[in-house]
Amino acid sequence: MKISRYVPQGLFFLYVVEAAVLGIAPVDRGVWWAENITVWIPVAALLVMYAKGIRFSNTACFLMFLFFAMHTVGGHYTFEHVPMGPVTDFFGFRRNHFDRVCHFLVGVFAFPVLEYFEREKLVKGRRLLCFLVVMCIFGFAAIFELAEWAYAELADPQSGTLFLGSQGDVWDAQKDMLCDGLGAIVTAFFYCLLRPLLGKTGPLKKSGGNSSPE
């Protein structure tokens, strides 16, 4: 899997532009802050890792960027009000499922995690590694739902409701966690499929100049 220093830099630039534009007049400023903080924390962690020389494949970078970009859109409109009316009407959905798509995309983080753990040989056996990573994402999903609940309790009723985005579904939290986990399962399968086709990923830590595949 190819590693390039220009891909993460370019994607980060695109994300900053998107975040700046969508930070203008959001539907609810309180929800905008809450939703974007959940993006800025992993982005900051990735910047620290990048500064320390840790690199991920282009595929991993594109997948993470996709989540960040989609989540930032949800933060601007609030997930319930993202303009997806034509899609909702076409499929006959009873609710806006943009939030479900974003929860599914949480699972793409399995890809960089699998890259890191496998190349550092922290877990023996790819099957066990995939299982542990998927379970970790299920666990993270549960923690995030608890954080959403806490925010909804502490915030004003309108912002809390918009942040939850349950849209009247009493099983919203459980379905969100399922989407996170299914995204991780699909991503782990995708990772295992790509590894034999594209070979080993290049070194995680730079050794001067551009990283290249092994």
C-alpha atoms as a PDB file:
ATOM      1  CA  MET A   1       0.000   0.000   0.000  1.00  0.00           C
ATOM      2  CA  LYS A   2       1.585   3.236  -1.156  1.00  0.00           C
ATOM      3  CA  ILE A   3       2.629   5.895   1.333  1.00  0.00           C
ATOM      4  CA  SER A   4       3.139   9.500   0.243  1.00  0.00           C
ATOM      5  CA  ARG A   5       3.853  12.558   2.344  1.00  0.00           C
ATOM      6  CA  TYR A   6       1.824  14.715  -0.033  1.00  0.00           C
ATOM      7  CA  VAL A   7      -1.462  12.825   0.372  1.00  0.00           C
ATOM      8  CA  PRO A   8      -1.977  13.519   4.112  1.00  0.00           C
ATOM      9  CA  GLN A   9      -0.831  17.117   3.662  1.00  0.00           C
ATOM     10  CA  GLY A  10      -3.238  17.695   0.785  1.00  0.00           C
ATOM     11  CA  LEU A  11      -6.138  16.030   2.588  1.00  0.00           C
ATOM     12  CA  PHE A  12      -5.468  18.046   5.736  1.00  0.00           C
ATOM     13  CA  PHE A  13      -5.533  21.249   3.676  1.00  0.00           C
ATOM     14  CA  LEU A  14      -8.886  20.249   2.157  1.00  0.00           C
ATOM     15  CA  TYR A  15     -10.278  19.474   5.602  1.00  0.00           C
ATOM     16  CA  VAL A  16      -9.186  22.858   7.007  1.00  0.00           C
ATOM     17  CA  VAL A  17     -10.854  24.662   4.089  1.00  0.00           C
ATOM     18  CA  GLU A  18     -14.067  22.652   4.529  1.00  0.00           C
ATOM     19  CA  ALA A  19     -14.120  23.199   8.300  1.00  0.00           C
ATOM     20  CA  ALA A  20     -13.603  26.942   7.868  1.00  0.00           C
ATOM     21  CA  VAL A  21     -16.372  27.278   5.274  1.00  0.00           C
ATOM     22  CA  LEU A  22     -18.852  25.127   7.194  1.00  0.00           C
ATOM     23  CA  GLY A  23     -18.032  26.992  10.390  1.00  0.00           C
ATOM     24  CA  ILE A  24     -19.878  29.998   8.950  1.00  0.00           C
ATOM     25  CA  ALA A  25     -23.445  30.330  10.243  1.00  0.00           C
ATOM     26  CA  PRO A  26     -24.152  26.712  11.269  1.00  0.00           C
ATOM     27  CA  VAL A  27     -27.703  25.681  12.128  1.00  0.00           C
ATOM     28  CA  ASP A  28     -26.837  25.516  15.846  1.00  0.00           C
ATOM     29  CA  ARG A  29     -23.529  26.890  17.136  1.00  0.00           C
ATOM     30  CA  GLY A  30     -23.580  24.744  20.276  1.00  0.00           C
ATOM     31  CA  VAL A  31     -24.034  21.562  18.247  1.00  0.00           C
ATOM     32  CA  TRP A  32     -21.359  22.771  15.808  1.00  0.00           C
ATOM     33  CA  TRP A  33     -18.845  23.037  18.657  1.00  0.00           C
ATOM     34  CA  ALA A  34     -19.796  19.665  20.120  1.00  0.00           C
ATOM     35  CA  GLU A  35     -19.664  17.830  16.792  1.00  0.00           C
ATOM     36  CA  ASN A  36     -16.422  19.436  15.626  1.00  0.00           C
ATOM     37  CA  ILE A  37     -14.573  18.812  18.866  1.00  0.00           C
ATOM     38  CA  THR A  38     -15.153  15.092  18.302  1.00  0.00           C
ATOM     39  CA  VAL A  39     -13.314  15.558  14.984  1.00  0.00           C
ATOM     40  CA  TRP A  40     -10.585  17.915  16.155  1.00  0.00           C
ATOM     41  CA  ILE A  41      -9.412  15.511  18.858  1.00  0.00           C
ATOM     42  CA  PRO A  42      -8.512  12.652  16.441  1.00  0.00           C
ATOM     43  CA  VAL A  43      -7.195  15.177  13.887  1.00  0.00           C
ATOM     44  CA  ALA A  44      -4.897  16.629  16.568  1.00  0.00           C
ATOM     45  CA  ALA A  45      -3.762  13.117  17.520  1.00  0.00           C
ATOM     46  CA  LEU A  46      -2.961  12.368  13.873  1.00  0.00           C
ATOM     47  CA  LEU A  47      -0.988  15.620  13.566  1.00  0.00           C
ATOM     48  CA  VAL A  48       1.083  14.665  16.610  1.00  0.00           C
ATOM     49  CA  MET A  49       1.725  11.225  15.111  1.00  0.00           C
ATOM     50  CA  TYR A  50       2.672  12.809  11.784  1.00  0.00           C
ATOM     51  CA  ALA A  51       5.091  15.178  13.536  1.00  0.00           C
ATOM     52  CA  LYS A  52       6.714  12.155  15.169  1.00  0.00           C
ATOM     53  CA  GLY A  53       7.230  10.559  11.768  1.00  0.00           C
ATOM     54  CA  ILE A  54       4.411   8.018  11.872  1.00  0.00           C
ATOM     55  CA  ARG A  55       2.855   7.512   8.464  1.00  0.00           C
ATOM     56  CA  PHE A  56      -0.214   5.677   7.210  1.00  0.00           C
ATOM     57  CA  SER A  57      -0.967   4.453   3.724  1.00  0.00           C
ATOM     58  CA  ASN A  58      -2.752   6.640   1.194  1.00  0.00           C
ATOM     59  CA  THR A  59      -5.785   4.359   1.494  1.00  0.00           C
ATOM     60  CA  ALA A  60      -5.960   4.857   5.263  1.00  0.00           C
ATOM     61  CA  CYS A  61      -5.614   8.626   4.855  1.00  0.00           C
ATOM     62  CA  PHE A  62      -8.420   8.794   2.282  1.00  0.00           C
ATOM     63  CA  LEU A  63     -10.729   6.723   4.496  1.00  0.00           C
ATOM     64  CA  MET A  64     -10.106   8.905   7.551  1.00  0.00           C
ATOM     65  CA  PHE A  65     -10.570  12.066   5.507  1.00  0.00           C
ATOM     66  CA  LEU A  66     -13.903  10.746   4.257  1.00  0.00           C
ATOM     67  CA  PHE A  67     -15.146  10.410   7.829  1.00  0.00           C
ATOM     68  CA  PHE A  68     -13.852  13.842   8.860  1.00  0.00           C
ATOM     69  CA  ALA A  69     -15.407  15.510   5.802  1.00  0.00           C
ATOM     70  CA  MET A  70     -18.806  13.859   6.270  1.00  0.00           C
ATOM     71  CA  HIS A  71     -18.873  14.540  10.008  1.00  0.00           C
ATOM     72  CA  THR A  72     -18.045  18.205   9.431  1.00  0.00           C
ATOM     73  CA  VAL A  73     -21.055  18.493   7.128  1.00  0.00           C
ATOM     74  CA  GLY A  74     -23.200  16.987   9.879  1.00  0.00           C
ATOM     75  CA  GLY A  75     -21.816  19.491  12.367  1.00  0.00           C
ATOM     76  CA  HIS A  76     -22.831  22.414  10.156  1.00  0.00           C
ATOM     77  CA  TYR A  77     -26.409  21.351   9.483  1.00  0.00           C
ATOM     78  CA  THR A  78     -26.842  19.063  12.528  1.00  0.00           C
ATOM     79  CA  PHE A  79     -27.169  15.477  11.353  1.00  0.00           C
ATOM     80  CA  GLU A  80     -30.948  15.515  11.410  1.00  0.00           C
ATOM     81  CA  HIS A  81     -31.137  18.462   9.014  1.00  0.00           C
ATOM     82  CA  VAL A  82     -28.473  17.591   6.452  1.00  0.00           C
ATOM     83  CA  PRO A  83     -30.227  18.176   3.093  1.00  0.00           C
ATOM     84  CA  MET A  84     -30.798  14.582   2.018  1.00  0.00           C
ATOM     85  CA  GLY A  85     -34.497  14.896   1.228  1.00  0.00           C
ATOM     86  CA  PRO A  86     -34.278  13.428  -2.295  1.00  0.00           C
ATOM     87  CA  VAL A  87     -32.354  10.377  -1.026  1.00  0.00           C
ATOM     88  CA  THR A  88     -34.763   9.889   1.870  1.00  0.00           C
ATOM     89  CA  ASP A  89     -37.768  10.139  -0.457  1.00  0.00           C
ATOM     90  CA  PHE A  90     -36.239   7.880  -3.115  1.00  0.00           C
ATOM     91  CA  PHE A  91     -35.646   5.015  -0.686  1.00  0.00           C
ATOM     92  CA  GLY A  92     -38.801   5.684   1.319  1.00  0.00           C
ATOM     93  CA  PHE A  93     -36.929   6.209   4.586  1.00  0.00           C
ATOM     94  CA  ARG A  94     -38.818   7.520   7.595  1.00  0.00           C
ATOM     95  CA  ARG A  95     -35.851   9.558   8.797  1.00  0.00           C
ATOM     96  CA  ASN A  96     -32.662  11.232   7.621  1.00  0.00           C
ATOM     97  CA  HIS A  97     -29.994   8.521   7.675  1.00  0.00           C
ATOM     98  CA  PHE A  98     -26.977  10.779   7.193  1.00  0.00           C
ATOM     99  CA  ASP A  99     -25.978  10.131  10.799  1.00  0.00           C
ATOM    100  CA  ARG A 100     -26.106   6.373  10.213  1.00  0.00           C
ATOM    101  CA  VAL A 101     -23.723   6.757   7.261  1.00  0.00           C
ATOM    102  CA  CYS A 102     -21.299   8.733   9.423  1.00  0.00           C
ATOM    103  CA  HIS A 103     -21.504   6.153  12.200  1.00  0.00           C
ATOM    104  CA  PHE A 104     -20.694   3.458   9.645  1.00  0.00           C
ATOM    105  CA  LEU A 105     -17.676   5.519   8.574  1.00  0.00           C
ATOM    106  CA  VAL A 106     -16.363   5.494  12.146  1.00  0.00           C
ATOM    107  CA  GLY A 107     -15.418   1.925  11.314  1.00  0.00           C
ATOM    108  CA  VAL A 108     -12.874   3.059   8.689  1.00  0.00           C
ATOM    109  CA  PHE A 109     -10.476   3.818  11.528  1.00  0.00           C
ATOM    110  CA  ALA A 110      -9.986   0.074  11.744  1.00  0.00           C
ATOM    111  CA  PHE A 111      -7.804   0.399   8.635  1.00  0.00           C
ATOM    112  CA  PRO A 112      -5.033   2.634  10.074  1.00  0.00           C
ATOM    113  CA  VAL A 113      -5.202   0.811  13.410  1.00  0.00           C
ATOM    114  CA  LEU A 114      -4.720  -2.535  11.676  1.00  0.00           C
ATOM    115  CA  GLU A 115      -1.817  -1.078   9.705  1.00  0.00           C
ATOM    116  CA  TYR A 116      -0.121   0.176  12.835  1.00  0.00           C
ATOM    117  CA  PHE A 117      -0.595  -2.917  14.976  1.00  0.00           C
ATOM    118  CA  GLU A 118       0.358  -5.348  12.233  1.00  0.00           C
ATOM    119  CA  ARG A 119       3.511  -3.542  11.168  1.00  0.00           C
ATOM    120  CA  GLU A 120       4.610  -3.037  14.757  1.00  0.00           C
ATOM    121  CA  LYS A 121       3.827  -6.742  15.366  1.00  0.00           C
ATOM    122  CA  LEU A 122       1.919  -5.894  18.542  1.00  0.00           C
ATOM    123  CA  VAL A 123      -0.555  -8.749  18.056  1.00  0.00           C
ATOM    124  CA  LYS A 124       0.266 -12.123  16.542  1.00  0.00           C
ATOM    125  CA  GLY A 125      -2.196 -13.347  13.955  1.00  0.00           C
ATOM    126  CA  ARG A 126      -4.273 -11.192  11.636  1.00  0.00           C
ATOM    127  CA  ARG A 127      -7.563 -12.853  12.593  1.00  0.00           C
ATOM    128  CA  LEU A 128      -7.050 -12.107  16.274  1.00  0.00           C
ATOM    129  CA  LEU A 129      -5.942  -8.572  15.428  1.00  0.00           C
ATOM    130  CA  CYS A 130      -9.039  -7.922  13.315  1.00  0.00           C
ATOM    131  CA  PHE A 131     -11.274  -9.275  16.065  1.00  0.00           C
ATOM    132  CA  LEU A 132      -9.660  -7.067  18.723  1.00  0.00           C
ATOM    133  CA  VAL A 133      -9.826  -3.946  16.559  1.00  0.00           C
ATOM    134  CA  VAL A 134     -13.494  -4.523  15.722  1.00  0.00           C
ATOM    135  CA  MET A 135     -14.290  -5.050  19.409  1.00  0.00           C
ATOM    136  CA  CYS A 136     -12.407  -1.861  20.292  1.00  0.00           C
ATOM    137  CA  ILE A 137     -14.508   0.126  17.836  1.00  0.00           C
ATOM    138  CA  PHE A 138     -17.682  -1.402  19.273  1.00  0.00           C
ATOM    139  CA  GLY A 139     -16.427  -0.300  22.699  1.00  0.00           C
ATOM    140  CA  PHE A 140     -15.596   3.190  21.468  1.00  0.00           C
ATOM    141  CA  ALA A 141     -19.096   3.420  19.970  1.00  0.00           C
ATOM    142  CA  ALA A 142     -20.632   2.639  23.360  1.00  0.00           C
ATOM    143  CA  ILE A 143     -18.473   5.260  25.101  1.00  0.00           C
ATOM    144  CA  PHE A 144     -19.432   7.856  22.485  1.00  0.00           C
ATOM    145  CA  GLU A 145     -23.130   7.150  22.988  1.00  0.00           C
ATOM    146  CA  LEU A 146     -22.649   7.715  26.727  1.00  0.00           C
ATOM    147  CA  ALA A 147     -20.904  11.018  25.955  1.00  0.00           C
ATOM    148  CA  GLU A 148     -23.813  12.029  23.709  1.00  0.00           C
ATOM    149  CA  TRP A 149     -26.247  11.247  26.518  1.00  0.00           C
ATOM    150  CA  ALA A 150     -24.201  13.310  28.999  1.00  0.00           C
ATOM    151  CA  TYR A 151     -24.078  16.279  26.606  1.00  0.00           C
ATOM    152  CA  ALA A 152     -27.815  16.058  25.957  1.00  0.00           C
ATOM    153  CA  GLU A 153     -28.464  16.132  29.704  1.00  0.00           C
ATOM    154  CA  LEU A 154     -26.185  19.120  30.337  1.00  0.00           C
ATOM    155  CA  ALA A 155     -26.954  21.224  27.256  1.00  0.00           C
ATOM    156  CA  ASP A 156     -30.108  23.189  26.614  1.00  0.00           C
ATOM    157  CA  PRO A 157     -33.007  20.989  25.406  1.00  0.00           C
ATOM    158  CA  GLN A 158     -32.862  22.146  21.769  1.00  0.00           C
ATOM    159  CA  SER A 159     -29.093  21.648  21.328  1.00  0.00           C
ATOM    160  CA  GLY A 160     -29.205  18.383  23.252  1.00  0.00           C
ATOM    161  CA  THR A 161     -31.918  17.000  21.008  1.00  0.00           C
ATOM    162  CA  LEU A 162     -30.129  18.121  17.841  1.00  0.00           C
ATOM    163  CA  PHE A 163     -26.842  16.613  19.051  1.00  0.00           C
ATOM    164  CA  LEU A 164     -28.467  13.266  19.796  1.00  0.00           C
ATOM    165  CA  GLY A 165     -30.162  13.233  16.401  1.00  0.00           C
ATOM    166  CA  SER A 166     -32.373  10.331  17.421  1.00  0.00           C
ATOM    167  CA  GLN A 167     -35.277  11.686  15.365  1.00  0.00           C
ATOM    168  CA  GLY A 168     -37.774   9.885  17.562  1.00  0.00           C
ATOM    169  CA  ASP A 169     -36.117   6.458  17.316  1.00  0.00           C
ATOM    170  CA  VAL A 170     -35.966   4.900  20.791  1.00  0.00           C
ATOM    171  CA  TRP A 171     -33.325   2.440  19.565  1.00  0.00           C
ATOM    172  CA  ASP A 172     -31.145   5.143  17.993  1.00  0.00           C
ATOM    173  CA  ALA A 173     -28.136   4.572  20.270  1.00  0.00           C
ATOM    174  CA  GLN A 174     -28.136   0.813  19.672  1.00  0.00           C
ATOM    175  CA  LYS A 175     -28.460   1.251  15.904  1.00  0.00           C
ATOM    176  CA  ASP A 176     -25.645   3.808  15.894  1.00  0.00           C
ATOM    177  CA  MET A 177     -23.363   1.373  17.720  1.00  0.00           C
ATOM    178  CA  LEU A 178     -24.303  -1.357  15.264  1.00  0.00           C
ATOM    179  CA  CYS A 179     -23.393   0.906  12.339  1.00  0.00           C
ATOM    180  CA  ASP A 180     -20.008   1.673  13.937  1.00  0.00           C
ATOM    181  CA  GLY A 181     -19.307  -2.020  14.370  1.00  0.00           C
ATOM    182  CA  LEU A 182     -20.501  -2.997  10.888  1.00  0.00           C
ATOM    183  CA  GLY A 183     -18.249  -0.306   9.441  1.00  0.00           C
ATOM    184  CA  ALA A 184     -15.318  -1.793  11.338  1.00  0.00           C
ATOM    185  CA  ILE A 185     -16.136  -5.316  10.137  1.00  0.00           C
ATOM    186  CA  VAL A 186     -16.389  -4.218   6.499  1.00  0.00           C
ATOM    187  CA  THR A 187     -13.184  -2.201   6.799  1.00  0.00           C
ATOM    188  CA  ALA A 188     -11.302  -5.109   8.381  1.00  0.00           C
ATOM    189  CA  PHE A 189     -12.451  -7.366   5.535  1.00  0.00           C
ATOM    190  CA  PHE A 190     -11.390  -4.691   3.016  1.00  0.00           C
ATOM    191  CA  TYR A 191      -7.983  -4.439   4.719  1.00  0.00           C
ATOM    192  CA  CYS A 192      -7.428  -8.202   4.644  1.00  0.00           C
ATOM    193  CA  LEU A 193      -8.438  -8.264   0.979  1.00  0.00           C
ATOM    194  CA  LEU A 194      -6.051  -5.481  -0.005  1.00  0.00           C
ATOM    195  CA  ARG A 195      -2.971  -6.679   1.863  1.00  0.00           C
ATOM    196  CA  PRO A 196      -2.272  -9.756  -0.337  1.00  0.00           C
ATOM    197  CA  LEU A 197      -3.106  -7.794  -3.500  1.00  0.00           C
ATOM    198  CA  LEU A 198      -0.881  -4.787  -2.800  1.00  0.00           C
ATOM    199  CA  GLY A 199       1.765  -6.303  -0.583  1.00  0.00           C
ATOM    200  CA  LYS A 200       3.167  -4.986   2.649  1.00  0.00           C
ATOM    201  CA  THR A 201       2.758  -1.354   3.587  1.00  0.00           C
ATOM    202  CA  GLY A 202       5.807   0.843   3.787  1.00  0.00           C
ATOM    203  CA  PRO A 203       7.474   1.786   7.058  1.00  0.00           C
ATOM    204  CA  LEU A 204       5.374   3.630   9.579  1.00  0.00           C
ATOM    205  CA  LYS A 205       8.255   5.812  10.672  1.00  0.00           C
ATOM    206  CA  LYS A 206      10.083   7.981   8.191  1.00  0.00           C
ATOM    207  CA  SER A 207      13.754   7.379   7.660  1.00  0.00           C
ATOM    208  CA  GLY A 208      14.425  10.530   5.644  1.00  0.00           C
ATOM    209  CA  GLY A 209      12.783  11.524   2.387  1.00  0.00           C
ATOM    210  CA  ASN A 210       9.649   9.899   1.046  1.00  0.00           C
ATOM    211  CA  SER A 211       8.485   6.612   2.454  1.00  0.00           C
ATOM    212  CA  SER A 212       8.144   3.865  -0.083  1.00  0.00           C
ATOM    213  CA  PRO A 213       6.607   0.413  -0.129  1.00  0.00           C
ATOM    214  CA  GLU A 214       8.720  -2.466   1.046  1.00  0.00           C
END
